[in-house]
PDB file of all heavy atoms in Angstrom:
ATOM      1  N   VAL A   1      -8.875   5.469  -2.248  1.00  0.00           N
ATOM      2  CA  VAL A   1      -8.894   4.094  -1.640  1.00  0.00           C
ATOM      3  C   VAL A   1      -8.254   3.239  -2.603  1.00  0.00           C
ATOM      4  O   VAL A   1      -8.737   3.081  -3.837  1.00  0.00           O
ATOM      5  CB  VAL A   1     -10.303   3.573  -1.233  1.00  0.00           C
ATOM      6  CG1 VAL A   1     -10.048   2.169  -0.630  1.00  0.00           C
ATOM      7  CG2 VAL A   1     -10.899   4.535  -0.303  1.00  0.00           C
ATOM      8  N   GLU A   2      -7.173   2.533  -2.236  1.00  0.00           N
ATOM      9  CA  GLU A   2      -6.513   1.497  -3.180  1.00  0.00           C
ATOM     10  C   GLU A   2      -6.229   0.247  -2.297  1.00  0.00           C
ATOM     11  O   GLU A   2      -6.436   0.176  -1.087  1.00  0.00           O
ATOM     12  CB  GLU A   2      -5.119   2.034  -3.518  1.00  0.00           C
ATOM     13  CG  GLU A   2      -5.328   3.266  -4.496  1.00  0.00           C
ATOM     14  CD  GLU A   2      -3.968   3.801  -5.045  1.00  0.00           C
ATOM     15  OE1 GLU A   2      -2.936   3.025  -4.953  1.00  0.00           O
ATOM     16  OE2 GLU A   2      -3.804   4.868  -5.717  1.00  0.00           O
ATOM     17  N   THR A   3      -5.919  -0.823  -3.060  1.00  0.00           N
ATOM     18  CA  THR A   3      -5.841  -2.079  -2.509  1.00  0.00           C
ATOM     19  C   THR A   3      -4.605  -2.850  -2.804  1.00  0.00           C
ATOM     20  O   THR A   3      -3.862  -2.530  -3.933  1.00  0.00           O
ATOM     21  CB  THR A   3      -7.021  -3.073  -2.867  1.00  0.00           C
ATOM     22  OG1 THR A   3      -6.946  -3.276  -4.305  1.00  0.00           O
ATOM     23  CG2 THR A   3      -8.337  -2.510  -2.456  1.00  0.00           C
ATOM     24  N   ALA A   4      -4.084  -3.842  -2.086  1.00  0.00           N
ATOM     25  CA  ALA A   4      -3.011  -4.626  -2.402  1.00  0.00           C
ATOM     26  C   ALA A   4      -3.229  -6.046  -1.760  1.00  0.00           C
ATOM     27  O   ALA A   4      -3.910  -6.174  -0.626  1.00  0.00           O
ATOM     28  CB  ALA A   4      -1.769  -4.034  -1.677  1.00  0.00           C
ATOM     29  N   SER A   5      -2.722  -7.031  -2.582  1.00  0.00           N
ATOM     30  CA  SER A   5      -3.114  -8.334  -2.089  1.00  0.00           C
ATOM     31  C   SER A   5      -2.190  -8.957  -1.005  1.00  0.00           C
ATOM     32  O   SER A   5      -2.501  -9.975  -0.367  1.00  0.00           O
ATOM     33  CB  SER A   5      -3.104  -9.354  -3.238  1.00  0.00           C
ATOM     34  OG  SER A   5      -1.797  -9.236  -4.001  1.00  0.00           O
ATOM     35  N   ASP A   6      -1.009  -8.343  -0.840  1.00  0.00           N
ATOM     36  CA  ASP A   6      -0.101  -8.832   0.225  1.00  0.00           C
ATOM     37  C   ASP A   6       0.924  -7.674   0.635  1.00  0.00           C
ATOM     38  O   ASP A   6       0.729  -6.613  -0.042  1.00  0.00           O
ATOM     39  CB  ASP A   6       0.772 -10.024  -0.377  1.00  0.00           C
ATOM     40  CG  ASP A   6       1.442  -9.782  -1.625  1.00  0.00           C
ATOM     41  OD1 ASP A   6       1.987  -8.603  -1.827  1.00  0.00           O
ATOM     42  OD2 ASP A   6       1.662 -10.621  -2.461  1.00  0.00           O
ATOM     43  N   ALA A   7       1.690  -7.991   1.585  1.00  0.00           N
ATOM     44  CA  ALA A   7       2.588  -6.961   2.116  1.00  0.00           C
ATOM     45  C   ALA A   7       3.659  -6.415   1.178  1.00  0.00           C
ATOM     46  O   ALA A   7       3.859  -5.224   1.117  1.00  0.00           O
ATOM     47  CB  ALA A   7       3.277  -7.423   3.500  1.00  0.00           C
ATOM     48  N   GLU A   8       4.148  -7.320   0.350  1.00  0.00           N
ATOM     49  CA  GLU A   8       5.193  -6.970  -0.635  1.00  0.00           C
ATOM     50  C   GLU A   8       4.558  -5.934  -1.677  1.00  0.00           C
ATOM     51  O   GLU A   8       5.195  -4.909  -1.928  1.00  0.00           O
ATOM     52  CB  GLU A   8       5.668  -8.250  -1.319  1.00  0.00           C
ATOM     53  CG  GLU A   8       6.501  -9.018  -0.535  1.00  0.00           C
ATOM     54  CD  GLU A   8       5.779 -10.033   0.350  1.00  0.00           C
ATOM     55  OE1 GLU A   8       4.463  -9.972   0.325  1.00  0.00           O
ATOM     56  OE2 GLU A   8       6.489 -10.946   1.019  1.00  0.00           O
ATOM     57  N   ALA A   9       3.278  -6.338  -2.089  1.00  0.00           N
ATOM     58  CA  ALA A   9       2.607  -5.359  -3.036  1.00  0.00           C
ATOM     59  C   ALA A   9       2.331  -4.012  -2.404  1.00  0.00           C
ATOM     60  O   ALA A   9       2.478  -2.955  -3.078  1.00  0.00           O
ATOM     61  CB  ALA A   9       1.350  -5.969  -3.603  1.00  0.00           C
ATOM     62  N   ALA A  10       2.009  -4.025  -1.078  1.00  0.00           N
ATOM     63  CA  ALA A  10       1.804  -2.786  -0.379  1.00  0.00           C
ATOM     64  C   ALA A  10       3.021  -1.884  -0.255  1.00  0.00           C
ATOM     65  O   ALA A  10       2.977  -0.719  -0.538  1.00  0.00           O
ATOM     66  CB  ALA A  10       1.220  -3.172   1.074  1.00  0.00           C
ATOM     67  N   LEU A  11       4.193  -2.566  -0.001  1.00  0.00           N
ATOM     68  CA  LEU A  11       5.422  -1.811   0.095  1.00  0.00           C
ATOM     69  C   LEU A  11       5.844  -1.239  -1.236  1.00  0.00           C
ATOM     70  O   LEU A  11       6.309  -0.089  -1.337  1.00  0.00           O
ATOM     71  CB  LEU A  11       6.441  -2.658   0.637  1.00  0.00           C
ATOM     72  CG  LEU A  11       6.294  -3.119   2.190  1.00  0.00           C
ATOM     73  CD1 LEU A  11       7.421  -4.090   2.582  1.00  0.00           C
ATOM     74  CD2 LEU A  11       6.355  -1.946   3.050  1.00  0.00           C
ATOM     75  N   GLU A  12       5.538  -1.978  -2.264  1.00  0.00           N
ATOM     76  CA  GLU A  12       5.851  -1.441  -3.678  1.00  0.00           C
ATOM     77  C   GLU A  12       4.936  -0.172  -3.929  1.00  0.00           C
ATOM     78  O   GLU A  12       5.507   0.741  -4.548  1.00  0.00           O
ATOM     79  CB  GLU A  12       5.477  -2.542  -4.737  1.00  0.00           C
ATOM     80  CG  GLU A  12       6.583  -3.570  -4.727  1.00  0.00           C
ATOM     81  CD  GLU A  12       6.308  -4.732  -5.770  1.00  0.00           C
ATOM     82  OE1 GLU A  12       5.289  -4.504  -6.618  1.00  0.00           O
ATOM     83  OE2 GLU A  12       6.897  -5.735  -5.838  1.00  0.00           O
ATOM     84  N   LYS A  13       3.659  -0.136  -3.481  1.00  0.00           N
ATOM     85  CA  LYS A  13       2.816   0.994  -3.684  1.00  0.00           C
ATOM     86  C   LYS A  13       3.350   2.119  -2.943  1.00  0.00           C
ATOM     87  O   LYS A  13       3.238   3.369  -3.386  1.00  0.00           O
ATOM     88  CB  LYS A  13       1.460   0.653  -3.272  1.00  0.00           C
ATOM     89  CG  LYS A  13       0.688  -0.205  -4.222  1.00  0.00           C
ATOM     90  CD  LYS A  13      -0.830  -0.280  -3.708  1.00  0.00           C
ATOM     91  CE  LYS A  13      -1.610  -1.015  -4.891  1.00  0.00           C
ATOM     92  NZ  LYS A  13      -1.929  -0.014  -5.950  1.00  0.00           N
ATOM     93  N   PHE A  14       3.951   1.941  -1.781  1.00  0.00           N
ATOM     94  CA  PHE A  14       4.462   3.036  -0.907  1.00  0.00           C
ATOM     95  C   PHE A  14       5.796   3.704  -1.738  1.00  0.00           C
ATOM     96  O   PHE A  14       6.053   4.788  -1.386  1.00  0.00           O
ATOM     97  CB  PHE A  14       4.913   2.486   0.394  1.00  0.00           C
ATOM     98  CG  PHE A  14       3.811   2.906   1.499  1.00  0.00           C
ATOM     99  CD1 PHE A  14       2.880   1.800   1.689  1.00  0.00           C
ATOM    100  CD2 PHE A  14       3.746   4.028   2.067  1.00  0.00           C
ATOM    101  CE1 PHE A  14       1.873   1.998   2.539  1.00  0.00           C
ATOM    102  CE2 PHE A  14       2.669   4.226   2.968  1.00  0.00           C
ATOM    103  CZ  PHE A  14       1.820   3.245   3.265  1.00  0.00           C
ATOM    104  N   GLU A  15       6.345   2.980  -2.627  1.00  0.00           N
ATOM    105  CA  GLU A  15       7.459   3.571  -3.298  1.00  0.00           C
ATOM    106  C   GLU A  15       6.960   4.596  -4.301  1.00  0.00           C
ATOM    107  O   GLU A  15       7.733   5.378  -4.894  1.00  0.00           O
ATOM    108  CB  GLU A  15       8.267   2.545  -4.006  1.00  0.00           C
ATOM    109  CG  GLU A  15       9.032   1.473  -3.051  1.00  0.00           C
ATOM    110  CD  GLU A  15       9.648   0.349  -3.775  1.00  0.00           C
ATOM    111  OE1 GLU A  15       9.655   0.383  -5.066  1.00  0.00           O
ATOM    112  OE2 GLU A  15      10.343  -0.479  -3.153  1.00  0.00           O
ATOM    113  N   GLN A  16       5.732   4.482  -4.730  1.00  0.00           N
ATOM    114  CA  GLN A  16       5.116   5.240  -5.717  1.00  0.00           C
ATOM    115  C   GLN A  16       4.204   6.447  -5.215  1.00  0.00           C
ATOM    116  O   GLN A  16       4.082   7.423  -5.833  1.00  0.00           O
ATOM    117  CB  GLN A  16       4.308   4.564  -6.757  1.00  0.00           C
ATOM    118  CG  GLN A  16       5.164   3.344  -7.372  1.00  0.00           C
ATOM    119  CD  GLN A  16       6.398   3.801  -8.311  1.00  0.00           C
ATOM    120  OE1 GLN A  16       6.350   4.872  -8.840  1.00  0.00           O
ATOM    121  NE2 GLN A  16       7.383   3.074  -8.182  1.00  0.00           N
ATOM    122  N   SER A  17       3.663   6.156  -4.017  1.00  0.00           N
ATOM    123  CA  SER A  17       2.703   7.086  -3.500  1.00  0.00           C
ATOM    124  C   SER A  17       2.852   7.048  -1.990  1.00  0.00           C
ATOM    125  O   SER A  17       3.607   6.330  -1.432  1.00  0.00           O
ATOM    126  CB  SER A  17       1.257   6.687  -3.965  1.00  0.00           C
ATOM    127  OG  SER A  17       0.378   7.645  -3.554  1.00  0.00           O
ATOM    128  N   THR A  18       2.012   7.863  -1.370  1.00  0.00           N
ATOM    129  CA  THR A  18       1.872   7.941   0.125  1.00  0.00           C
ATOM    130  C   THR A  18       0.451   7.762   0.569  1.00  0.00           C
ATOM    131  O   THR A  18      -0.558   8.220  -0.017  1.00  0.00           O
ATOM    132  CB  THR A  18       2.322   9.416   0.655  1.00  0.00           C
ATOM    133  OG1 THR A  18       3.662   9.585   0.054  1.00  0.00           O
ATOM    134  CG2 THR A  18       2.333   9.382   2.140  1.00  0.00           C
ATOM    135  N   TYR A  19       0.223   7.111   1.703  1.00  0.00           N
ATOM    136  CA  TYR A  19      -1.069   6.771   2.254  1.00  0.00           C
ATOM    137  C   TYR A  19      -1.004   7.277   3.650  1.00  0.00           C
ATOM    138  O   TYR A  19      -0.065   7.039   4.482  1.00  0.00           O
ATOM    139  CB  TYR A  19      -1.381   5.262   2.074  1.00  0.00           C
ATOM    140  CG  TYR A  19      -1.264   4.733   0.722  1.00  0.00           C
ATOM    141  CD1 TYR A  19      -0.140   4.235   0.213  1.00  0.00           C
ATOM    142  CD2 TYR A  19      -2.349   4.757  -0.169  1.00  0.00           C
ATOM    143  CE1 TYR A  19       0.001   3.860  -1.111  1.00  0.00           C
ATOM    144  CE2 TYR A  19      -2.439   4.298  -1.421  1.00  0.00           C
ATOM    145  CZ  TYR A  19      -1.252   3.877  -1.978  1.00  0.00           C
ATOM    146  OH  TYR A  19      -1.081   3.304  -3.237  1.00  0.00           O
ATOM    147  N   GLN A  20      -2.113   7.800   4.060  1.00  0.00           N
ATOM    148  CA  GLN A  20      -2.266   8.341   5.455  1.00  0.00           C
ATOM    149  C   GLN A  20      -2.840   7.217   6.375  1.00  0.00           C
ATOM    150  O   GLN A  20      -2.571   7.222   7.560  1.00  0.00           O
ATOM    151  CB  GLN A  20      -3.128   9.529   5.582  1.00  0.00           C
ATOM    152  CG  GLN A  20      -2.608  10.775   5.162  1.00  0.00           C
ATOM    153  CD  GLN A  20      -2.345  10.731   3.514  1.00  0.00           C
ATOM    154  OE1 GLN A  20      -3.166  10.549   2.794  1.00  0.00           O
ATOM    155  NE2 GLN A  20      -1.068  11.163   3.251  1.00  0.00           N
ATOM    156  N   LEU A  21      -3.400   6.175   5.795  1.00  0.00           N
ATOM    157  CA  LEU A  21      -3.969   5.125   6.574  1.00  0.00           C
ATOM    158  C   LEU A  21      -3.808   3.693   5.860  1.00  0.00           C
ATOM    159  O   LEU A  21      -4.036   3.695   4.672  1.00  0.00           O
ATOM    160  CB  LEU A  21      -5.529   5.159   6.869  1.00  0.00           C
ATOM    161  CG  LEU A  21      -6.170   4.135   7.623  1.00  0.00           C
ATOM    162  CD1 LEU A  21      -5.571   4.009   9.108  1.00  0.00           C
ATOM    163  CD2 LEU A  21      -7.590   4.431   7.773  1.00  0.00           C
ATOM    164  N   VAL A  22      -3.377   2.648   6.511  1.00  0.00           N
ATOM    165  CA  VAL A  22      -3.274   1.380   6.073  1.00  0.00           C
ATOM    166  C   VAL A  22      -4.087   0.469   6.901  1.00  0.00           C
ATOM    167  O   VAL A  22      -4.060   0.574   8.013  1.00  0.00           O
ATOM    168  CB  VAL A  22      -1.755   0.833   5.884  1.00  0.00           C
ATOM    169  CG1 VAL A  22      -1.881  -0.563   5.553  1.00  0.00           C
ATOM    170  CG2 VAL A  22      -0.953   1.644   5.059  1.00  0.00           C
ATOM    171  N   ILE A  23      -4.975  -0.265   6.164  1.00  0.00           N
ATOM    172  CA  ILE A  23      -5.870  -1.292   6.914  1.00  0.00           C
ATOM    173  C   ILE A  23      -5.311  -2.706   6.400  1.00  0.00           C
ATOM    174  O   ILE A  23      -5.449  -3.037   5.234  1.00  0.00           O
ATOM    175  CB  ILE A  23      -7.324  -1.102   6.587  1.00  0.00           C
ATOM    176  CG1 ILE A  23      -7.832   0.277   6.989  1.00  0.00           C
ATOM    177  CG2 ILE A  23      -8.130  -2.266   7.277  1.00  0.00           C
ATOM    178  CD1 ILE A  23      -9.251   0.532   6.566  1.00  0.00           C
ATOM    179  N   ALA A  24      -4.679  -3.462   7.268  1.00  0.00           N
ATOM    180  CA  ALA A  24      -3.969  -4.584   6.823  1.00  0.00           C
ATOM    181  C   ALA A  24      -4.384  -5.865   7.806  1.00  0.00           C
ATOM    182  O   ALA A  24      -4.485  -5.663   9.039  1.00  0.00           O
ATOM    183  CB  ALA A  24      -2.483  -4.376   7.037  1.00  0.00           C
TER     184      ALA A  24
END
């Protein structure tokens, strides 16, 4: 389980890893 404070940070995380579920 990881977190991001906004959508831009979330998209940056997807460049480094993969998530099966996003709760936004």
